[in-house]
Amino acid sequence: MSSHPEQGWRLLCNGVVLFDDDGALLPDGRAVADHHVWLAPQPVSA
């Protein structure tokens, strides 16, 4: 395993590259998208 947190990624021993945003790049070149749903902050009403 190789870790480069300053660049936002890790290389696992099986050849998978993991990114800090939870995406991944597989050894066969396929990409796995981030699975999070990012929501914009909503204004607070007083």
C-alpha atoms as a PDB file:
ATOM      1  CA  MET A   1       0.000   0.000   0.000  1.00  0.00           C
ATOM      2  CA  SER A   2       1.171   3.492  -0.793  1.00  0.00           C
ATOM      3  CA  SER A   3      -0.447   6.487   0.866  1.00  0.00           C
ATOM      4  CA  HIS A   4      -0.262  10.096  -0.310  1.00  0.00           C
ATOM      5  CA  PRO A   5      -2.770  12.006   1.854  1.00  0.00           C
ATOM      6  CA  GLU A   6      -1.296  15.332   0.768  1.00  0.00           C
ATOM      7  CA  GLN A   7      -2.443  14.474  -2.762  1.00  0.00           C
ATOM      8  CA  GLY A   8      -5.709  12.828  -1.678  1.00  0.00           C
ATOM      9  CA  TRP A   9      -5.149   9.214  -2.752  1.00  0.00           C
ATOM     10  CA  ARG A  10      -3.937   5.772  -1.679  1.00  0.00           C
ATOM     11  CA  LEU A  11      -2.751   2.806  -3.763  1.00  0.00           C
ATOM     12  CA  LEU A  12      -3.830  -0.541  -2.316  1.00  0.00           C
ATOM     13  CA  CYS A  13      -1.896  -3.797  -2.748  1.00  0.00           C
ATOM     14  CA  ASN A  14      -4.593  -5.096  -5.150  1.00  0.00           C
ATOM     15  CA  GLY A  15      -3.960  -2.201  -7.567  1.00  0.00           C
ATOM     16  CA  VAL A  16      -7.013  -0.128  -6.607  1.00  0.00           C
ATOM     17  CA  VAL A  17      -6.455   3.617  -6.238  1.00  0.00           C
ATOM     18  CA  LEU A  18      -8.720   5.127  -3.556  1.00  0.00           C
ATOM     19  CA  PHE A  19      -9.408   8.852  -3.501  1.00  0.00           C
ATOM     20  CA  ASP A  20     -10.309  10.964  -0.449  1.00  0.00           C
ATOM     21  CA  ASP A  21     -13.698  11.778  -1.992  1.00  0.00           C
ATOM     22  CA  ASP A  22     -14.508   8.014  -1.846  1.00  0.00           C
ATOM     23  CA  GLY A  23     -14.117   7.504  -5.579  1.00  0.00           C
ATOM     24  CA  ALA A  24     -11.847   4.745  -6.884  1.00  0.00           C
ATOM     25  CA  LEU A  25      -9.888   3.806  -9.991  1.00  0.00           C
ATOM     26  CA  LEU A  26      -9.786   0.045 -10.593  1.00  0.00           C
ATOM     27  CA  PRO A  27      -6.806  -1.813 -12.116  1.00  0.00           C
ATOM     28  CA  ASP A  28      -8.749  -2.435 -15.347  1.00  0.00           C
ATOM     29  CA  GLY A  29      -9.243   1.329 -15.815  1.00  0.00           C
ATOM     30  CA  ARG A  30     -12.872   1.531 -14.662  1.00  0.00           C
ATOM     31  CA  ALA A  31     -13.756   4.381 -12.315  1.00  0.00           C
ATOM     32  CA  VAL A  32     -16.073   4.147  -9.320  1.00  0.00           C
ATOM     33  CA  ALA A  33     -17.752   7.472  -8.615  1.00  0.00           C
ATOM     34  CA  ASP A  34     -18.096   9.044  -5.207  1.00  0.00           C
ATOM     35  CA  HIS A  35     -21.169   7.517  -3.558  1.00  0.00           C
ATOM     36  CA  HIS A  36     -21.998  10.487  -1.337  1.00  0.00           C
ATOM     37  CA  VAL A  37     -24.853  12.857  -2.043  1.00  0.00           C
ATOM     38  CA  TRP A  38     -23.480  16.323  -1.418  1.00  0.00           C
ATOM     39  CA  LEU A  39     -26.135  18.843  -0.399  1.00  0.00           C
ATOM     40  CA  ALA A  40     -25.788  22.591  -0.536  1.00  0.00           C
ATOM     41  CA  PRO A  41     -26.316  24.320   2.819  1.00  0.00           C
ATOM     42  CA  GLN A  42     -29.782  25.785   3.249  1.00  0.00           C
ATOM     43  CA  PRO A  43     -30.278  29.305   4.605  1.00  0.00           C
ATOM     44  CA  VAL A  44     -31.634  29.505   8.145  1.00  0.00           C
ATOM     45  CA  SER A  45     -34.882  31.432   8.557  1.00  0.00           C
ATOM     46  CA  ALA A  46     -35.261  33.567  11.686  1.00  0.00           C
END
